Protein backbone atom coordinates (compact mmCIF):
# COMPACT_ATOMS: atom_id res chain seq x y z
CA MET A 1 27.24 -16.85 -26.04
CA LEU A 2 28.62 -13.26 -24.12
CA ARG A 3 26.96 -10.73 -24.55
CA PHE A 4 23.92 -12.65 -24.75
CA VAL A 5 24.68 -13.49 -20.63
CA ASP A 6 25.32 -9.67 -21.00
CA ASP A 7 22.35 -8.47 -22.13
CA LEU A 8 20.98 -10.67 -20.04
CA ALA A 9 21.97 -9.93 -17.35
CA GLY A 10 21.34 -5.92 -17.67
CA ALA A 11 17.51 -7.01 -18.33
CA ILE A 12 17.07 -8.42 -15.28
CA TYR A 13 19.34 -5.22 -13.20
CA ASP A 14 17.07 -2.96 -14.69
CA VAL A 15 13.88 -5.24 -13.97
CA ILE A 16 14.68 -5.32 -10.23
CA ILE A 17 16.26 -1.11 -10.39
CA PHE A 18 12.32 -0.38 -11.64
CA ILE A 19 10.63 -3.10 -8.31
CA ILE A 20 12.86 -1.20 -6.24
CA LYS A 21 12.21 2.37 -6.74
CA SER A 22 8.20 1.19 -7.31
CA ILE A 23 8.75 -0.20 -4.24
CA SER A 24 10.47 2.90 -2.93
CA TYR A 25 8.14 6.17 -4.42
CA LEU A 26 4.22 3.76 -3.12
CA LEU A 27 6.69 3.46 0.65
CA ALA A 28 7.26 7.34 0.24
CA GLY A 29 3.61 8.09 -0.95
CA GLY A 30 2.40 6.72 1.03
CA ILE A 31 4.25 8.25 4.25
CA ILE A 32 4.09 11.10 2.77
CA VAL A 33 0.42 10.78 2.33
CA ALA A 34 -0.07 9.00 5.89
CA ILE A 35 1.47 10.91 8.51
CA PRO A 36 -0.87 14.94 7.97
CA THR A 37 -3.70 12.61 7.78
CA TYR A 38 -3.29 11.29 10.79
CA LEU A 39 -2.10 14.01 12.86
CA PHE A 40 -5.01 15.50 11.06
CA VAL A 41 -7.81 13.00 12.49
CA TRP A 42 -6.02 12.27 15.82
CA LEU A 43 -6.47 16.88 16.54
CA PHE A 44 -10.42 16.44 15.70
CA GLY A 45 -10.99 13.04 17.53
CA MET A 46 -9.56 15.78 20.50
CA PHE A 47 -12.12 17.94 20.69
CA GLN A 48 -15.00 14.60 20.50
């Protein structure tokens, strides 16, 4: 029974770490893409 609980806790831990990493990569990618894109649009918006 103890081994089952240990395996279950390990599986839940792996799923939570996967979700946190996925959200982190998504946010980092969004920031890396959004900031230069915003600056590019803002720069060319000044010339109109």
